[in-house]
């Protein structure tokens, strides 16, 4: 649920799906069609229409966001290691892993 909207709003994901689909060899394309029909028929008509319009315009009209760090709105150009490290204690907790010795220290807490 919401997969079509995600494709509609996430240009990088749409570019990934588009690149995969255009990379399917011609002789295998008919084998992929049932999967595509089942997938896209589950989307609401407005979402299908919007996706069709985006794909029809092509990657140039979408801003060509297929490479990492290309300045997509809402995303930084690169990984911020300090912010990435700050989530490690939560990820370990969610995965049921034992905390690292320094995980008890709160990031940014100077008390």
PDB file of N, CA and C in Angstrom:
ATOM      1  N   UNK A   1       0.842  -1.181   0.000  1.00  0.00           N
ATOM      2  CA  UNK A   1       0.000   0.000   0.000  1.00  0.00           C
ATOM      3  C   UNK A   1       0.883   1.239   0.000  1.00  0.00           C
ATOM      4  N   UNK A   2       0.587   2.188  -0.833  1.00  0.00           N
ATOM      5  CA  UNK A   2       1.364   3.410  -0.912  1.00  0.00           C
ATOM      6  C   UNK A   2       2.591   3.303  -1.796  1.00  0.00           C
ATOM      7  N   UNK A   3       2.836   2.110  -2.380  1.00  0.00           N
ATOM      8  CA  UNK A   3       4.014   1.926  -3.217  1.00  0.00           C
ATOM      9  C   UNK A   3       4.008   2.819  -4.436  1.00  0.00           C
ATOM     10  N   UNK A   4       2.826   3.015  -5.010  1.00  0.00           N
ATOM     11  CA  UNK A   4       2.733   3.882  -6.177  1.00  0.00           C
ATOM     12  C   UNK A   4       3.033   5.321  -5.830  1.00  0.00           C
ATOM     13  N   UNK A   5       2.526   5.762  -4.692  1.00  0.00           N
ATOM     14  CA  UNK A   5       2.808   7.133  -4.262  1.00  0.00           C
ATOM     15  C   UNK A   5       4.290   7.318  -3.963  1.00  0.00           C
ATOM     16  N   UNK A   6       4.907   6.282  -3.416  1.00  0.00           N
ATOM     17  CA  UNK A   6       6.337   6.363  -3.149  1.00  0.00           C
ATOM     18  C   UNK A   6       7.111   6.542  -4.453  1.00  0.00           C
ATOM     19  N   UNK A   7       6.749   5.778  -5.467  1.00  0.00           N
ATOM     20  CA  UNK A   7       7.391   5.940  -6.776  1.00  0.00           C
ATOM     21  C   UNK A   7       7.139   7.324  -7.349  1.00  0.00           C
ATOM     22  N   UNK A   8       5.953   7.834  -7.128  1.00  0.00           N
ATOM     23  CA  UNK A   8       5.578   9.139  -7.665  1.00  0.00           C
ATOM     24  C   UNK A   8       6.379  10.269  -7.026  1.00  0.00           C
ATOM     25  N   UNK A   9       6.726  10.119  -5.750  1.00  0.00           N
ATOM     26  CA  UNK A   9       7.388  11.203  -5.025  1.00  0.00           C
ATOM     27  C   UNK A   9       8.886  10.999  -4.816  1.00  0.00           C
ATOM     28  N   UNK A  10       9.379   9.785  -4.971  1.00  0.00           N
ATOM     29  CA  UNK A  10      10.813   9.528  -4.789  1.00  0.00           C
ATOM     30  C   UNK A  10      11.454   9.360  -6.160  1.00  0.00           C
ATOM     31  N   UNK A  11      12.079  10.423  -6.631  1.00  0.00           N
ATOM     32  CA  UNK A  11      12.646  10.424  -7.981  1.00  0.00           C
ATOM     33  C   UNK A  11      13.764   9.404  -8.134  1.00  0.00           C
ATOM     34  N   UNK A  12      14.529   9.189  -7.079  1.00  0.00           N
ATOM     35  CA  UNK A  12      15.619   8.211  -7.168  1.00  0.00           C
ATOM     36  C   UNK A  12      15.078   6.798  -7.313  1.00  0.00           C
ATOM     37  N   UNK A  13      14.021   6.476  -6.577  1.00  0.00           N
ATOM     38  CA  UNK A  13      13.430   5.148  -6.678  1.00  0.00           C
ATOM     39  C   UNK A  13      12.812   4.939  -8.055  1.00  0.00           C
ATOM     40  N   UNK A  14      12.118   5.951  -8.557  1.00  0.00           N
ATOM     41  CA  UNK A  14      11.538   5.853  -9.898  1.00  0.00           C
ATOM     42  C   UNK A  14      12.636   5.677 -10.943  1.00  0.00           C
ATOM     43  N   UNK A  15      13.742   6.396 -10.797  1.00  0.00           N
ATOM     44  CA  UNK A  15      14.857   6.255 -11.736  1.00  0.00           C
ATOM     45  C   UNK A  15      15.449   4.852 -11.669  1.00  0.00           C
ATOM     46  N   UNK A  16      15.499   4.275 -10.474  1.00  0.00           N
ATOM     47  CA  UNK A  16      16.009   2.921 -10.313  1.00  0.00           C
ATOM     48  C   UNK A  16      15.109   1.911 -11.017  1.00  0.00           C
ATOM     49  N   UNK A  17      13.798   2.021 -10.796  1.00  0.00           N
ATOM     50  CA  UNK A  17      12.843   1.122 -11.450  1.00  0.00           C
ATOM     51  C   UNK A  17      12.887   1.316 -12.961  1.00  0.00           C
ATOM     52  N   UNK A  18      12.958   2.563 -13.399  1.00  0.00           N
ATOM     53  CA  UNK A  18      13.019   2.869 -14.830  1.00  0.00           C
ATOM     54  C   UNK A  18      14.275   2.275 -15.462  1.00  0.00           C
ATOM     55  N   UNK A  19      15.411   2.408 -14.785  1.00  0.00           N
ATOM     56  CA  UNK A  19      16.663   1.852 -15.309  1.00  0.00           C
ATOM     57  C   UNK A  19      16.599   0.331 -15.378  1.00  0.00           C
ATOM     58  N   UNK A  20      16.000  -0.297 -14.358  1.00  0.00           N
ATOM     59  CA  UNK A  20      15.864  -1.751 -14.379  1.00  0.00           C
ATOM     60  C   UNK A  20      14.974  -2.178 -15.535  1.00  0.00           C
ATOM     61  N   UNK A  21      13.853  -1.500 -15.676  1.00  0.00           N
ATOM     62  CA  UNK A  21      12.893  -1.879 -16.709  1.00  0.00           C
ATOM     63  C   UNK A  21      13.450  -1.675 -18.112  1.00  0.00           C
ATOM     64  N   UNK A  22      14.149  -0.582 -18.337  1.00  0.00           N
ATOM     65  CA  UNK A  22      14.726  -0.360 -19.666  1.00  0.00           C
ATOM     66  C   UNK A  22      15.915  -1.276 -19.922  1.00  0.00           C
ATOM     67  N   UNK A  23      16.452  -1.875 -18.873  1.00  0.00           N
ATOM     68  CA  UNK A  23      17.555  -2.818 -19.032  1.00  0.00           C
ATOM     69  C   UNK A  23      17.116  -4.249 -19.272  1.00  0.00           C
ATOM     70  N   UNK A  24      15.813  -4.518 -19.194  1.00  0.00           N
ATOM     71  CA  UNK A  24      15.316  -5.868 -19.457  1.00  0.00           C
ATOM     72  C   UNK A  24      15.500  -6.160 -20.947  1.00  0.00           C
ATOM     73  N   UNK A  25      16.168  -7.265 -21.281  1.00  0.00           N
ATOM     74  CA  UNK A  25      16.359  -7.596 -22.698  1.00  0.00           C
ATOM     75  C   UNK A  25      15.023  -7.787 -23.416  1.00  0.00           C
ATOM     76  N   UNK A  26      14.997  -7.459 -24.695  1.00  0.00           N
ATOM     77  CA  UNK A  26      13.758  -7.531 -25.480  1.00  0.00           C
ATOM     78  C   UNK A  26      13.146  -8.926 -25.456  1.00  0.00           C
ATOM     79  N   UNK A  27      13.971  -9.963 -25.508  1.00  0.00           N
ATOM     80  CA  UNK A  27      13.428 -11.324 -25.526  1.00  0.00           C
ATOM     81  C   UNK A  27      12.856 -11.751 -24.175  1.00  0.00           C
ATOM     82  N   UNK A  28      13.212 -11.070 -23.085  1.00  0.00           N
ATOM     83  CA  UNK A  28      12.682 -11.389 -21.761  1.00  0.00           C
ATOM     84  C   UNK A  28      11.547 -10.458 -21.352  1.00  0.00           C
ATOM     85  N   UNK A  29      11.314  -9.404 -22.123  1.00  0.00           N
ATOM     86  CA  UNK A  29      10.317  -8.406 -21.735  1.00  0.00           C
ATOM     87  C   UNK A  29       8.918  -9.007 -21.606  1.00  0.00           C
ATOM     88  N   UNK A  30       8.542  -9.895 -22.531  1.00  0.00           N
ATOM     89  CA  UNK A  30       7.198 -10.498 -22.453  1.00  0.00           C
ATOM     90  C   UNK A  30       7.050 -11.365 -21.208  1.00  0.00           C
ATOM     91  N   UNK A  31       8.153 -11.908 -20.696  1.00  0.00           N
ATOM     92  CA  UNK A  31       8.086 -12.683 -19.455  1.00  0.00           C
ATOM     93  C   UNK A  31       7.867 -11.783 -18.242  1.00  0.00           C
ATOM     94  N   UNK A  32       8.283 -10.535 -18.335  1.00  0.00           N
ATOM     95  CA  UNK A  32       8.163  -9.580 -17.233  1.00  0.00           C
ATOM     96  C   UNK A  32       6.791  -8.898 -17.231  1.00  0.00           C
ATOM     97  N   UNK A  33       6.122  -8.875 -18.372  1.00  0.00           N
ATOM     98  CA  UNK A  33       4.842  -8.155 -18.479  1.00  0.00           C
ATOM     99  C   UNK A  33       3.796  -8.559 -17.442  1.00  0.00           C
ATOM    100  N   UNK A  34       3.564  -9.850 -17.164  1.00  0.00           N
ATOM    101  CA  UNK A  34       2.556 -10.183 -16.141  1.00  0.00           C
ATOM    102  C   UNK A  34       2.868  -9.572 -14.774  1.00  0.00           C
ATOM    103  N   UNK A  35       4.131  -9.574 -14.403  1.00  0.00           N
ATOM    104  CA  UNK A  35       4.532  -8.954 -13.136  1.00  0.00           C
ATOM    105  C   UNK A  35       4.234  -7.461 -13.142  1.00  0.00           C
ATOM    106  N   UNK A  36       4.561  -6.795 -14.233  1.00  0.00           N
ATOM    107  CA  UNK A  36       4.295  -5.357 -14.342  1.00  0.00           C
ATOM    108  C   UNK A  36       2.803  -5.062 -14.297  1.00  0.00           C
ATOM    109  N   UNK A  37       2.025  -5.851 -15.007  1.00  0.00           N
ATOM    110  CA  UNK A  37       0.563  -5.636 -15.009  1.00  0.00           C
ATOM    111  C   UNK A  37      -0.020  -5.799 -13.618  1.00  0.00           C
ATOM    112  N   UNK A  38       0.373  -6.874 -12.925  1.00  0.00           N
ATOM    113  CA  UNK A  38      -0.146  -7.094 -11.565  1.00  0.00           C
ATOM    114  C   UNK A  38       0.266  -5.957 -10.638  1.00  0.00           C
ATOM    115  N   UNK A  39       1.503  -5.535 -10.748  1.00  0.00           N
ATOM    116  CA  UNK A  39       2.010  -4.480  -9.869  1.00  0.00           C
ATOM    117  C   UNK A  39       1.295  -3.165 -10.115  1.00  0.00           C
ATOM    118  N   UNK A  40       1.285  -2.716 -11.359  1.00  0.00           N
ATOM    119  CA  UNK A  40       0.739  -1.394 -11.659  1.00  0.00           C
ATOM    120  C   UNK A  40      -0.787  -1.367 -11.646  1.00  0.00           C
ATOM    121  N   UNK A  41      -1.447  -2.509 -11.820  1.00  0.00           N
ATOM    122  CA  UNK A  41      -2.910  -2.511 -11.756  1.00  0.00           C
ATOM    123  C   UNK A  41      -3.401  -2.296 -10.328  1.00  0.00           C
ATOM    124  N   UNK A  42      -2.543  -2.558  -9.340  1.00  0.00           N
ATOM    125  CA  UNK A  42      -2.925  -2.350  -7.943  1.00  0.00           C
ATOM    126  C   UNK A  42      -2.884  -0.871  -7.554  1.00  0.00           C
ATOM    127  N   UNK A  43      -2.220  -0.046  -8.351  1.00  0.00           N
ATOM    128  CA  UNK A  43      -2.143   1.386  -8.056  1.00  0.00           C
ATOM    129  C   UNK A  43      -3.428   2.077  -8.468  1.00  0.00           C
ATOM    130  N   UNK A  44      -3.757   3.140  -7.755  1.00  0.00           N
ATOM    131  CA  UNK A  44      -4.944   3.927  -8.098  1.00  0.00           C
ATOM    132  C   UNK A  44      -4.739   4.577  -9.463  1.00  0.00           C
ATOM    133  N   UNK A  45      -5.842   4.829 -10.185  1.00  0.00           N
ATOM    134  CA  UNK A  45      -5.720   5.417 -11.531  1.00  0.00           C
ATOM    135  C   UNK A  45      -4.929   6.722 -11.567  1.00  0.00           C
ATOM    136  N   UNK A  46      -5.106   7.584 -10.581  1.00  0.00           N
ATOM    137  CA  UNK A  46      -4.368   8.845 -10.559  1.00  0.00           C
ATOM    138  C   UNK A  46      -2.870   8.638 -10.400  1.00  0.00           C
ATOM    139  N   UNK A  47      -2.497   7.645  -9.606  1.00  0.00           N
ATOM    140  CA  UNK A  47      -1.084   7.331  -9.412  1.00  0.00           C
ATOM    141  C   UNK A  47      -0.506   6.773 -10.709  1.00  0.00           C
ATOM    142  N   UNK A  48      -1.238   5.861 -11.355  1.00  0.00           N
ATOM    143  CA  UNK A  48      -0.768   5.308 -12.638  1.00  0.00           C
ATOM    144  C   UNK A  48      -0.607   6.406 -13.674  1.00  0.00           C
ATOM    145  N   UNK A  49      -1.553   7.321 -13.711  1.00  0.00           N
ATOM    146  CA  UNK A  49      -1.485   8.433 -14.670  1.00  0.00           C
ATOM    147  C   UNK A  49      -0.265   9.311 -14.381  1.00  0.00           C
ATOM    148  N   UNK A  50      -0.033   9.617 -13.106  1.00  0.00           N
ATOM    149  CA  UNK A  50       1.116  10.437 -12.725  1.00  0.00           C
ATOM    150  C   UNK A  50       2.440   9.764 -13.048  1.00  0.00           C
ATOM    151  N   UNK A  51       2.533   8.463 -12.769  1.00  0.00           N
ATOM    152  CA  UNK A  51       3.752   7.730 -13.099  1.00  0.00           C
ATOM    153  C   UNK A  51       3.977   7.688 -14.603  1.00  0.00           C
ATOM    154  N   UNK A  52       2.897   7.462 -15.337  1.00  0.00           N
ATOM    155  CA  UNK A  52       3.006   7.444 -16.798  1.00  0.00           C
ATOM    156  C   UNK A  52       3.501   8.770 -17.336  1.00  0.00           C
ATOM    157  N   UNK A  53       3.025   9.851 -16.763  1.00  0.00           N
ATOM    158  CA  UNK A  53       3.448  11.183 -17.211  1.00  0.00           C
ATOM    159  C   UNK A  53       4.928  11.422 -16.891  1.00  0.00           C
ATOM    160  N   UNK A  54       5.356  11.032 -15.694  1.00  0.00           N
ATOM    161  CA  UNK A  54       6.766  11.199 -15.330  1.00  0.00           C
ATOM    162  C   UNK A  54       7.681  10.375 -16.234  1.00  0.00           C
ATOM    163  N   UNK A  55       7.286   9.142 -16.492  1.00  0.00           N
ATOM    164  CA  UNK A  55       8.102   8.278 -17.341  1.00  0.00           C
ATOM    165  C   UNK A  55       8.099   8.781 -18.781  1.00  0.00           C
ATOM    166  N   UNK A  56       6.957   9.277 -19.245  1.00  0.00           N
ATOM    167  CA  UNK A  56       6.871   9.793 -20.612  1.00  0.00           C
ATOM    168  C   UNK A  56       7.820  10.970 -20.808  1.00  0.00           C
ATOM    169  N   UNK A  57       7.935  11.822 -19.799  1.00  0.00           N
ATOM    170  CA  UNK A  57       8.824  12.987 -19.896  1.00  0.00           C
ATOM    171  C   UNK A  57      10.294  12.584 -19.922  1.00  0.00           C
ATOM    172  N   UNK A  58      10.620  11.477 -19.294  1.00  0.00           N
ATOM    173  CA  UNK A  58      11.993  10.990 -19.299  1.00  0.00           C
ATOM    174  C   UNK A  58      12.809  11.510 -18.141  1.00  0.00           C
ATOM    175  N   UNK A  59      14.001  10.941 -17.965  1.00  0.00           N
ATOM    176  CA  UNK A  59      14.849  11.319 -16.829  1.00  0.00           C
ATOM    177  C   UNK A  59      15.331  12.762 -16.878  1.00  0.00           C
ATOM    178  N   UNK A  60      15.491  13.334 -18.056  1.00  0.00           N
ATOM    179  CA  UNK A  60      15.956  14.721 -18.142  1.00  0.00           C
ATOM    180  C   UNK A  60      14.950  15.673 -17.502  1.00  0.00           C
ATOM    181  N   UNK A  61      13.661  15.423 -17.716  1.00  0.00           N
ATOM    182  CA  UNK A  61      12.623  16.282 -17.140  1.00  0.00           C
ATOM    183  C   UNK A  61      12.514  16.086 -15.631  1.00  0.00           C
ATOM    184  N   UNK A  62      12.900  14.901 -15.158  1.00  0.00           N
ATOM    185  CA  UNK A  62      12.832  14.629 -13.719  1.00  0.00           C
ATOM    186  C   UNK A  62      14.044  15.173 -12.993  1.00  0.00           C
ATOM    187  N   UNK A  63      15.015  15.677 -13.703  1.00  0.00           N
ATOM    188  CA  UNK A  63      16.190  16.247 -13.049  1.00  0.00           C
ATOM    189  C   UNK A  63      17.351  15.282 -12.961  1.00  0.00           C
ATOM    190  N   UNK A  64      17.243  14.147 -13.569  1.00  0.00           N
ATOM    191  CA  UNK A  64      18.310  13.148 -13.621  1.00  0.00           C
ATOM    192  C   UNK A  64      18.969  12.946 -12.264  1.00  0.00           C
ATOM    193  N   UNK A  65      18.247  12.279 -11.371  1.00  0.00           N
ATOM    194  CA  UNK A  65      18.733  12.066 -10.006  1.00  0.00           C
ATOM    195  C   UNK A  65      19.189  10.630  -9.797  1.00  0.00           C
ATOM    196  N   UNK A  66      19.766  10.031 -10.808  1.00  0.00           N
ATOM    197  CA  UNK A  66      20.146   8.628 -10.705  1.00  0.00           C
ATOM    198  C   UNK A  66      21.460   8.410  -9.970  1.00  0.00           C
ATOM    199  N   UNK A  67      22.275   9.438  -9.796  1.00  0.00           N
ATOM    200  CA  UNK A  67      23.544   9.261  -9.109  1.00  0.00           C
ATOM    201  C   UNK A  67      23.422   9.710  -7.664  1.00  0.00           C
ATOM    202  N   UNK A  68      24.170   9.046  -6.803  1.00  0.00           N
ATOM    203  CA  UNK A  68      24.130   9.398  -5.381  1.00  0.00           C
ATOM    204  C   UNK A  68      24.772  10.758  -5.167  1.00  0.00           C
ATOM    205  N   UNK A  69      24.227  11.500  -4.224  1.00  0.00           N
ATOM    206  CA  UNK A  69      24.804  12.786  -3.880  1.00  0.00           C
ATOM    207  C   UNK A  69      24.569  13.858  -4.915  1.00  0.00           C
ATOM    208  N   UNK A  70      23.485  13.771  -5.645  1.00  0.00           N
ATOM    209  CA  UNK A  70      23.257  14.740  -6.714  1.00  0.00           C
ATOM    210  C   UNK A  70      22.457  15.948  -6.254  1.00  0.00           C
ATOM    211  N   UNK A  71      22.251  16.100  -4.970  1.00  0.00           N
ATOM    212  CA  UNK A  71      21.541  17.268  -4.483  1.00  0.00           C
ATOM    213  C   UNK A  71      20.035  17.160  -4.590  1.00  0.00           C
ATOM    214  N   UNK A  72      19.482  15.980  -4.348  1.00  0.00           N
ATOM    215  CA  UNK A  72      18.042  15.794  -4.367  1.00  0.00           C
ATOM    216  C   UNK A  72      17.445  16.571  -3.206  1.00  0.00           C
ATOM    217  N   UNK A  73      16.380  17.335  -3.439  1.00  0.00           N
ATOM    218  CA  UNK A  73      15.774  18.099  -2.348  1.00  0.00           C
ATOM    219  C   UNK A  73      15.424  17.199  -1.166  1.00  0.00           C
ATOM    220  N   UNK A  74      15.822  17.624   0.016  1.00  0.00           N
ATOM    221  CA  UNK A  74      15.532  16.859   1.222  1.00  0.00           C
ATOM    222  C   UNK A  74      16.624  15.884   1.609  1.00  0.00           C
ATOM    223  N   UNK A  75      17.642  15.742   0.764  1.00  0.00           N
ATOM    224  CA  UNK A  75      18.725  14.818   1.041  1.00  0.00           C
ATOM    225  C   UNK A  75      20.052  15.556   0.962  1.00  0.00           C
ATOM    226  N   UNK A  76      20.956  15.218   1.863  1.00  0.00           N
ATOM    227  CA  UNK A  76      22.288  15.828   1.833  1.00  0.00           C
ATOM    228  C   UNK A  76      23.075  15.264   0.665  1.00  0.00           C
ATOM    229  N   UNK A  77      24.091  15.989   0.262  1.00  0.00           N
ATOM    230  CA  UNK A  77      24.926  15.538  -0.851  1.00  0.00           C
ATOM    231  C   UNK A  77      25.748  14.314  -0.471  1.00  0.00           C
ATOM    232  N   UNK A  78      26.049  14.141   0.791  1.00  0.00           N
ATOM    233  CA  UNK A  78      26.844  12.997   1.233  1.00  0.00           C
ATOM    234  C   UNK A  78      26.425  12.536   2.612  1.00  0.00           C
ATOM    235  N   UNK A  79      27.027  11.458   3.048  1.00  0.00           N
ATOM    236  CA  UNK A  79      26.732  10.891   4.355  1.00  0.00           C
ATOM    237  C   UNK A  79      27.377  11.735   5.451  1.00  0.00           C
ATOM    238  N   UNK A  80      26.607  12.035   6.489  1.00  0.00           N
ATOM    239  CA  UNK A  80      27.129  12.747   7.655  1.00  0.00           C
ATOM    240  C   UNK A  80      27.476  11.687   8.700  1.00  0.00           C
ATOM    241  N   UNK A  81      28.760  11.372   8.878  1.00  0.00           N
ATOM    242  CA  UNK A  81      29.135  10.278   9.777  1.00  0.00           C
ATOM    243  C   UNK A  81      28.716  10.501  11.227  1.00  0.00           C
ATOM    244  N   UNK A  82      28.694  11.726  11.693  1.00  0.00           N
ATOM    245  CA  UNK A  82      28.290  11.998  13.076  1.00  0.00           C
ATOM    246  C   UNK A  82      26.817  11.646  13.268  1.00  0.00           C
ATOM    247  N   UNK A  83      25.977  12.068  12.323  1.00  0.00           N
ATOM    248  CA  UNK A  83      24.545  11.753  12.430  1.00  0.00           C
ATOM    249  C   UNK A  83      24.299  10.263  12.229  1.00  0.00           C
ATOM    250  N   UNK A  84      25.053   9.641  11.338  1.00  0.00           N
ATOM    251  CA  UNK A  84      24.898   8.202  11.110  1.00  0.00           C
ATOM    252  C   UNK A  84      25.279   7.419  12.361  1.00  0.00           C
ATOM    253  N   UNK A  85      26.377   7.811  13.011  1.00  0.00           N
ATOM    254  CA  UNK A  85      26.802   7.133  14.236  1.00  0.00           C
ATOM    255  C   UNK A  85      25.805   7.327  15.372  1.00  0.00           C
ATOM    256  N   UNK A  86      25.078   8.426  15.363  1.00  0.00           N
ATOM    257  CA  UNK A  86      24.131   8.717  16.442  1.00  0.00           C
ATOM    258  C   UNK A  86      22.975   7.725  16.481  1.00  0.00           C
ATOM    259  N   UNK A  87      22.657   7.083  15.377  1.00  0.00           N
ATOM    260  CA  UNK A  87      21.525   6.154  15.365  1.00  0.00           C
ATOM    261  C   UNK A  87      21.939   4.723  15.695  1.00  0.00           C
ATOM    262  N   UNK A  88      23.232   4.455  15.785  1.00  0.00           N
ATOM    263  CA  UNK A  88      23.689   3.092  16.044  1.00  0.00           C
ATOM    264  C   UNK A  88      23.111   2.478  17.317  1.00  0.00           C
ATOM    265  N   UNK A  89      23.042   3.198  18.439  1.00  0.00           N
ATOM    266  CA  UNK A  89      22.448   2.591  19.634  1.00  0.00           C
ATOM    267  C   UNK A  89      20.994   2.165  19.418  1.00  0.00           C
ATOM    268  N   UNK A  90      20.243   2.953  18.707  1.00  0.00           N
ATOM    269  CA  UNK A  90      18.837   2.613  18.448  1.00  0.00           C
ATOM    270  C   UNK A  90      18.745   1.401  17.529  1.00  0.00           C
ATOM    271  N   UNK A  91      19.580   1.361  16.504  1.00  0.00           N
ATOM    272  CA  UNK A  91      19.581   0.221  15.584  1.00  0.00           C
ATOM    273  C   UNK A  91      19.954  -1.052  16.328  1.00  0.00           C
ATOM    274  N   UNK A  92      20.969  -0.972  17.196  1.00  0.00           N
ATOM    275  CA  UNK A  92      21.354  -2.150  17.974  1.00  0.00           C
ATOM    276  C   UNK A  92      20.215  -2.598  18.885  1.00  0.00           C
ATOM    277  N   UNK A  93      19.527  -1.644  19.494  1.00  0.00           N
ATOM    278  CA  UNK A  93      18.401  -1.969  20.361  1.00  0.00           C
ATOM    279  C   UNK A  93      17.292  -2.652  19.564  1.00  0.00           C
ATOM    280  N   UNK A  94      16.971  -2.115  18.392  1.00  0.00           N
ATOM    281  CA  UNK A  94      15.920  -2.692  17.556  1.00  0.00           C
ATOM    282  C   UNK A  94      16.280  -4.091  17.068  1.00  0.00           C
ATOM    283  N   UNK A  95      17.557  -4.319  16.801  1.00  0.00           N
ATOM    284  CA  UNK A  95      18.001  -5.620  16.312  1.00  0.00           C
ATOM    285  C   UNK A  95      18.284  -6.611  17.437  1.00  0.00           C
ATOM    286  N   UNK A  96      18.192  -6.148  18.685  1.00  0.00           N
ATOM    287  CA  UNK A  96      18.429  -7.023  19.824  1.00  0.00           C
ATOM    288  C   UNK A  96      19.896  -7.318  20.060  1.00  0.00           C
ATOM    289  N   UNK A  97      20.760  -6.462  19.573  1.00  0.00           N
ATOM    290  CA  UNK A  97      22.202  -6.645  19.766  1.00  0.00           C
ATOM    291  C   UNK A  97      22.615  -5.991  21.074  1.00  0.00           C
ATOM    292  N   UNK A  98      23.688  -6.481  21.639  1.00  0.00           N
ATOM    293  CA  UNK A  98      24.206  -5.875  22.863  1.00  0.00           C
ATOM    294  C   UNK A  98      24.800  -4.519  22.533  1.00  0.00           C
ATOM    295  N   UNK A  99      24.562  -3.542  23.390  1.00  0.00           N
ATOM    296  CA  UNK A  99      25.106  -2.206  23.103  1.00  0.00           C
ATOM    297  C   UNK A  99      26.629  -2.190  23.176  1.00  0.00           C
ATOM    298  N   UNK A 100      27.205  -1.360  22.370  1.00  0.00           N
ATOM    299  CA  UNK A 100      28.649  -1.134  22.430  1.00  0.00           C
ATOM    300  C   UNK A 100      28.948  -0.371  23.712  1.00  0.00           C
ATOM    301  N   UNK A 101      30.184  -0.436  24.225  1.00  0.00           N
ATOM    302  CA  UNK A 101      30.498   0.232  25.504  1.00  0.00           C
ATOM    303  C   UNK A 101      30.145   1.708  25.541  1.00  0.00           C
ATOM    304  N   UNK A 102      30.264   2.414  24.434  1.00  0.00           N
ATOM    305  CA  UNK A 102      29.986   3.848  24.449  1.00  0.00           C
ATOM    306  C   UNK A 102      28.557   4.188  24.047  1.00  0.00           C
ATOM    307  N   UNK A 103      27.696   3.178  23.845  1.00  0.00           N
ATOM    308  CA  UNK A 103      26.312   3.440  23.449  1.00  0.00           C
ATOM    309  C   UNK A 103      25.480   4.063  24.558  1.00  0.00           C
ATOM    310  N   UNK A 104      25.939   3.962  25.796  1.00  0.00           N
ATOM    311  CA  UNK A 104      25.176   4.548  26.891  1.00  0.00           C
ATOM    312  C   UNK A 104      25.334   6.052  26.954  1.00  0.00           C
ATOM    313  N   UNK A 105      26.321   6.575  26.252  1.00  0.00           N
ATOM    314  CA  UNK A 105      26.531   8.018  26.204  1.00  0.00           C
ATOM    315  C   UNK A 105      25.538   8.626  25.231  1.00  0.00           C
ATOM    316  N   UNK A 106      24.818   9.626  25.683  1.00  0.00           N
ATOM    317  CA  UNK A 106      23.883  10.304  24.798  1.00  0.00           C
ATOM    318  C   UNK A 106      24.638  11.268  23.904  1.00  0.00           C
ATOM    319  N   UNK A 107      24.322  11.255  22.639  1.00  0.00           N
ATOM    320  CA  UNK A 107      24.962  12.154  21.690  1.00  0.00           C
ATOM    321  C   UNK A 107      24.516  13.570  21.985  1.00  0.00           C
ATOM    322  N   UNK A 108      25.462  14.458  22.152  1.00  0.00           N
ATOM    323  CA  UNK A 108      25.140  15.862  22.376  1.00  0.00           C
ATOM    324  C   UNK A 108      24.821  16.213  23.816  1.00  0.00           C
ATOM    325  N   UNK A 109      24.794  15.234  24.711  1.00  0.00           N
ATOM    326  CA  UNK A 109      24.499  15.522  26.117  1.00  0.00           C
ATOM    327  C   UNK A 109      25.805  15.794  26.841  1.00  0.00           C
ATOM    328  N   UNK A 110      25.935  16.988  27.344  1.00  0.00           N
ATOM    329  CA  UNK A 110      27.162  17.382  28.032  1.00  0.00           C
ATOM    330  C   UNK A 110      26.971  17.438  29.538  1.00  0.00           C
ATOM    331  N   UNK A 111      26.148  16.573  30.096  1.00  0.00           N
ATOM    332  CA  UNK A 111      25.912  16.620  31.538  1.00  0.00           C
ATOM    333  C   UNK A 111      26.646  15.539  32.258  1.00  0.00           C
TER     334      UNK A 111
END
